[in-house]
N, C-alpha and C. Protein backbone atom coordinates (compact mmCIF):
# COMPACT_ATOMS: atom_id res chain seq x y z
N MET A 1 113.89 113.66 138.58
CA MET A 1 112.57 114.20 138.32
C MET A 1 111.67 113.07 137.84
N GLY A 2 110.56 112.85 138.53
CA GLY A 2 109.62 111.82 138.13
C GLY A 2 108.62 112.36 137.13
N TYR A 3 108.07 111.49 136.32
CA TYR A 3 107.11 111.91 135.31
C TYR A 3 105.83 111.12 135.47
N THR A 4 104.73 111.80 135.64
CA THR A 4 103.42 111.17 135.69
C THR A 4 102.74 111.50 134.38
N PRO A 5 102.48 110.50 133.52
CA PRO A 5 101.94 110.81 132.20
C PRO A 5 100.64 111.60 132.24
N TYR A 6 99.68 111.17 133.02
CA TYR A 6 98.41 111.88 133.08
C TYR A 6 97.83 111.80 134.48
N SER A 7 97.18 112.86 134.87
CA SER A 7 96.44 112.90 136.11
C SER A 7 95.00 113.14 135.71
N SER A 8 94.10 112.28 136.13
CA SER A 8 92.70 112.51 135.79
C SER A 8 91.86 112.40 137.04
N GLY A 9 90.76 113.09 137.00
CA GLY A 9 89.88 113.06 138.15
C GLY A 9 88.87 114.17 138.05
N TYR A 10 88.51 114.70 139.21
CA TYR A 10 87.54 115.78 139.24
C TYR A 10 87.89 116.73 140.37
N GLN A 11 87.37 117.93 140.26
CA GLN A 11 87.57 118.93 141.30
C GLN A 11 86.25 119.66 141.51
N ARG A 12 85.84 119.77 142.76
CA ARG A 12 84.61 120.49 143.10
C ARG A 12 85.00 121.84 143.67
N LEU A 13 84.47 122.89 143.08
CA LEU A 13 84.75 124.25 143.54
C LEU A 13 83.47 124.87 144.07
N THR A 14 83.58 125.60 145.18
CA THR A 14 82.43 126.30 145.73
C THR A 14 82.56 127.81 145.55
N THR A 15 83.65 128.25 144.97
CA THR A 15 83.86 129.64 144.56
C THR A 15 84.67 129.62 143.28
N SER A 16 84.71 130.73 142.56
CA SER A 16 85.51 130.81 141.34
C SER A 16 86.95 130.43 141.65
N GLY A 17 87.60 129.73 140.70
CA GLY A 17 88.99 129.36 140.92
C GLY A 17 89.55 128.48 139.83
N VAL A 18 90.83 128.16 139.96
CA VAL A 18 91.57 127.36 138.99
C VAL A 18 91.25 125.88 139.18
N VAL A 19 91.13 125.17 138.06
CA VAL A 19 90.90 123.72 138.07
C VAL A 19 92.22 123.04 137.74
N GLY A 20 92.60 122.03 138.52
CA GLY A 20 93.84 121.28 138.26
C GLY A 20 95.07 122.12 138.55
N ASP A 21 96.17 121.84 137.83
CA ASP A 21 97.42 122.57 138.00
C ASP A 21 97.34 123.89 137.24
N SER A 22 97.54 124.98 137.94
CA SER A 22 97.39 126.32 137.38
C SER A 22 98.28 126.56 136.16
N GLY A 23 97.69 127.01 135.07
CA GLY A 23 98.43 127.41 133.88
C GLY A 23 98.89 126.29 132.98
N LYS A 24 98.65 125.03 133.35
CA LYS A 24 99.07 123.90 132.51
C LYS A 24 97.92 123.48 131.60
N PRO A 25 98.24 123.00 130.38
CA PRO A 25 97.18 122.52 129.48
C PRO A 25 96.33 121.46 130.18
N ILE A 26 95.02 121.51 129.89
CA ILE A 26 94.09 120.60 130.56
C ILE A 26 92.98 120.21 129.58
N LEU A 27 92.56 118.95 129.66
CA LEU A 27 91.43 118.47 128.86
C LEU A 27 90.22 118.39 129.77
N ILE A 28 89.15 119.08 129.41
CA ILE A 28 87.91 119.04 130.18
C ILE A 28 87.01 117.98 129.56
N SER A 29 86.60 117.00 130.37
CA SER A 29 85.78 115.92 129.83
C SER A 29 84.33 115.99 130.29
N GLY A 30 84.03 116.82 131.29
CA GLY A 30 82.66 116.96 131.75
C GLY A 30 82.56 117.91 132.92
N PHE A 31 81.33 118.14 133.35
CA PHE A 31 81.09 119.07 134.45
C PHE A 31 79.71 118.83 135.05
N ALA A 32 79.51 119.34 136.25
CA ALA A 32 78.20 119.37 136.89
C ALA A 32 78.09 120.70 137.61
N VAL A 33 76.94 121.34 137.50
CA VAL A 33 76.71 122.63 138.14
C VAL A 33 75.57 122.48 139.14
N GLU A 34 75.80 122.95 140.35
CA GLU A 34 74.75 122.96 141.37
C GLU A 34 74.34 124.42 141.58
N CYS A 35 73.07 124.72 141.37
CA CYS A 35 72.63 126.11 141.51
C CYS A 35 71.26 126.19 142.16
N GLY A 36 70.98 127.34 142.79
CA GLY A 36 69.70 127.54 143.44
C GLY A 36 68.61 127.96 142.47
N THR A 37 68.98 128.72 141.45
CA THR A 37 68.06 129.11 140.37
C THR A 37 68.83 128.97 139.06
N ALA A 38 68.15 129.11 137.95
CA ALA A 38 68.81 128.98 136.65
C ALA A 38 69.99 129.94 136.56
N ALA A 39 71.17 129.40 136.17
CA ALA A 39 72.38 130.21 136.08
C ALA A 39 73.27 129.64 134.97
N SER A 40 74.21 130.45 134.49
CA SER A 40 75.11 130.02 133.41
C SER A 40 76.55 130.39 133.73
N PRO A 41 77.24 129.58 134.54
CA PRO A 41 78.65 129.86 134.82
C PRO A 41 79.51 129.51 133.60
N PHE A 42 80.81 129.80 133.66
CA PHE A 42 81.72 129.62 132.54
C PHE A 42 83.00 128.90 132.95
N LEU A 43 83.61 128.20 131.99
CA LEU A 43 84.99 127.74 132.13
C LEU A 43 85.80 128.63 131.20
N LYS A 44 86.94 129.11 131.70
CA LYS A 44 87.78 130.03 130.92
C LYS A 44 89.14 129.41 130.66
N ASP A 45 89.72 129.76 129.49
CA ASP A 45 91.04 129.28 129.09
C ASP A 45 92.10 130.20 129.68
N GLY A 46 92.54 129.87 130.88
CA GLY A 46 93.52 130.70 131.58
C GLY A 46 93.44 130.48 133.07
N THR A 47 93.95 131.45 133.83
CA THR A 47 94.04 131.28 135.28
C THR A 47 93.38 132.40 136.07
N SER A 48 92.55 133.22 135.40
CA SER A 48 91.91 134.32 136.11
C SER A 48 90.55 134.64 135.50
N ALA A 49 89.80 135.49 136.19
CA ALA A 49 88.47 135.88 135.73
C ALA A 49 88.52 136.64 134.41
N SER A 50 89.65 137.24 134.09
CA SER A 50 89.76 138.01 132.85
C SER A 50 90.13 137.15 131.64
N ALA A 51 90.31 135.85 131.83
CA ALA A 51 90.67 134.95 130.72
C ALA A 51 89.51 134.81 129.73
N THR A 52 89.81 134.28 128.55
CA THR A 52 88.83 134.10 127.49
C THR A 52 87.85 132.98 127.84
N VAL A 53 86.56 133.23 127.62
CA VAL A 53 85.52 132.22 127.87
C VAL A 53 85.70 131.07 126.87
N ALA A 54 85.77 129.85 127.38
CA ALA A 54 85.94 128.67 126.52
C ALA A 54 84.64 127.86 126.44
N LEU A 55 83.89 127.80 127.54
CA LEU A 55 82.70 126.96 127.59
C LEU A 55 81.69 127.54 128.57
N ARG A 56 80.47 127.72 128.09
CA ARG A 56 79.37 128.17 128.95
C ARG A 56 78.70 126.92 129.52
N LEU A 57 78.57 126.84 130.84
CA LEU A 57 78.02 125.67 131.51
C LEU A 57 76.57 125.87 131.86
N GLY A 58 75.72 125.89 130.91
CA GLY A 58 74.33 126.09 131.27
C GLY A 58 73.51 126.63 130.12
N PRO A 59 72.33 127.05 130.42
CA PRO A 59 71.84 127.28 131.77
C PRO A 59 71.56 125.99 132.53
N CYS A 60 71.84 126.02 133.82
CA CYS A 60 71.58 124.83 134.64
C CYS A 60 70.16 124.90 135.18
N THR A 61 69.67 123.76 135.61
CA THR A 61 68.33 123.66 136.19
C THR A 61 68.45 123.79 137.70
N ALA A 62 67.60 124.59 138.29
CA ALA A 62 67.66 124.83 139.73
C ALA A 62 67.59 123.54 140.52
N ASN A 63 68.45 123.43 141.52
CA ASN A 63 68.47 122.32 142.49
C ASN A 63 68.76 120.96 141.86
N GLN A 64 69.41 120.91 140.71
CA GLN A 64 69.84 119.65 140.10
C GLN A 64 71.31 119.76 139.73
N GLY A 65 72.08 118.72 140.01
CA GLY A 65 73.51 118.75 139.73
C GLY A 65 73.96 117.58 138.88
N SER A 66 73.15 117.19 137.92
CA SER A 66 73.49 116.03 137.10
C SER A 66 74.72 116.30 136.24
N PRO A 67 75.61 115.32 136.10
CA PRO A 67 76.83 115.51 135.32
C PRO A 67 76.55 115.60 133.81
N ASN A 68 77.35 116.37 133.12
CA ASN A 68 77.30 116.51 131.67
C ASN A 68 78.67 116.14 131.12
N PHE A 69 78.75 115.10 130.31
CA PHE A 69 80.03 114.69 129.76
C PHE A 69 80.10 115.06 128.30
N LEU A 70 81.25 115.61 127.88
CA LEU A 70 81.45 116.02 126.50
C LEU A 70 81.78 114.80 125.64
N ASN A 71 81.33 114.79 124.40
CA ASN A 71 81.64 113.68 123.49
C ASN A 71 83.14 113.57 123.24
N VAL A 72 83.79 114.70 123.12
CA VAL A 72 85.24 114.77 122.92
C VAL A 72 85.77 115.76 123.95
N PRO A 73 86.80 115.41 124.73
CA PRO A 73 87.33 116.36 125.72
C PRO A 73 87.77 117.67 125.07
N MET A 74 87.56 118.77 125.77
CA MET A 74 87.93 120.09 125.27
C MET A 74 89.27 120.50 125.85
N MET A 75 90.22 120.86 124.97
CA MET A 75 91.56 121.27 125.41
C MET A 75 91.58 122.76 125.72
N LEU A 76 92.07 123.09 126.91
CA LEU A 76 92.30 124.48 127.29
C LEU A 76 93.81 124.61 127.50
N PRO A 77 94.53 125.16 126.52
CA PRO A 77 95.99 125.17 126.56
C PRO A 77 96.61 126.04 127.65
N ASN A 78 95.86 127.01 128.17
CA ASN A 78 96.41 127.93 129.17
C ASN A 78 95.94 127.65 130.59
N GLY A 79 95.32 126.48 130.80
CA GLY A 79 94.77 126.15 132.11
C GLY A 79 93.28 126.39 132.12
N CYS A 80 92.64 126.12 133.24
CA CYS A 80 91.19 126.26 133.33
C CYS A 80 90.81 127.05 134.58
N TYR A 81 89.95 128.04 134.38
CA TYR A 81 89.42 128.85 135.47
C TYR A 81 87.90 128.74 135.45
N ALA A 82 87.30 128.30 136.54
CA ALA A 82 85.85 128.21 136.65
C ALA A 82 85.33 129.53 137.19
N SER A 83 84.48 130.19 136.42
CA SER A 83 83.96 131.50 136.78
C SER A 83 82.51 131.38 137.23
N PHE A 84 82.25 131.68 138.48
CA PHE A 84 80.91 131.58 139.05
C PHE A 84 80.09 132.81 138.68
N VAL A 85 78.79 132.64 138.73
CA VAL A 85 77.85 133.75 138.59
C VAL A 85 76.88 133.66 139.76
N THR A 86 76.01 134.61 139.89
CA THR A 86 75.03 134.62 140.97
C THR A 86 74.23 133.32 141.00
N ASN A 87 73.96 132.81 142.16
CA ASN A 87 73.13 131.63 142.41
C ASN A 87 73.80 130.29 142.12
N VAL A 88 75.08 130.26 141.79
CA VAL A 88 75.78 128.99 141.61
C VAL A 88 76.36 128.58 142.96
N ASN A 89 76.05 127.35 143.39
CA ASN A 89 76.55 126.85 144.68
C ASN A 89 77.88 126.13 144.52
N ALA A 90 78.02 125.35 143.45
CA ALA A 90 79.25 124.58 143.23
C ALA A 90 79.34 124.15 141.77
N ILE A 91 80.58 123.96 141.33
CA ILE A 91 80.85 123.40 140.00
C ILE A 91 81.83 122.25 140.20
N THR A 92 81.51 121.10 139.63
CA THR A 92 82.45 119.97 139.63
C THR A 92 82.93 119.81 138.20
N VAL A 93 84.25 119.79 138.02
CA VAL A 93 84.84 119.67 136.69
C VAL A 93 85.62 118.36 136.61
N PHE A 94 85.34 117.56 135.58
CA PHE A 94 86.04 116.31 135.33
C PHE A 94 87.12 116.61 134.29
N TYR A 95 88.38 116.19 134.56
CA TYR A 95 89.47 116.60 133.69
C TYR A 95 90.55 115.55 133.55
N ILE A 96 91.41 115.75 132.55
CA ILE A 96 92.62 114.96 132.32
C ILE A 96 93.73 115.97 132.12
N GLN A 97 94.87 115.77 132.80
CA GLN A 97 95.95 116.75 132.72
C GLN A 97 97.30 116.06 132.86
N GLN A 98 98.25 116.48 132.02
CA GLN A 98 99.61 115.99 132.18
C GLN A 98 100.23 116.73 133.35
N SER A 99 101.10 116.03 134.07
CA SER A 99 101.76 116.69 135.18
C SER A 99 103.18 116.18 135.33
N VAL A 100 104.05 117.04 135.80
CA VAL A 100 105.44 116.69 136.08
C VAL A 100 105.66 116.94 137.56
N THR A 101 106.22 115.97 138.26
CA THR A 101 106.47 116.12 139.67
C THR A 101 107.96 115.99 139.96
N ASN A 102 108.42 116.63 141.02
CA ASN A 102 109.82 116.54 141.43
C ASN A 102 109.99 115.45 142.45
């Protein structure tokens, strides 16, 4: 079994969904929201739409997708689920996550 200490990068989602490896602890270091009109999507601590809201991403400014980086990464121990709302085109999430590979 190989061990990769950390996997970091970003993931762009165009619909609601899981960020990184599903259900594994993840550190969120930033995000960018692309929307047609002002909207406030969420990041949730878990793997589904019913998970607890951890971070509100907005309100965003229409037609701008500038990145927002957190001063200190936010830990979501149960994984991360990006929850879209009306008028959100895409969410890009920057993250750091431990991973184990076979």
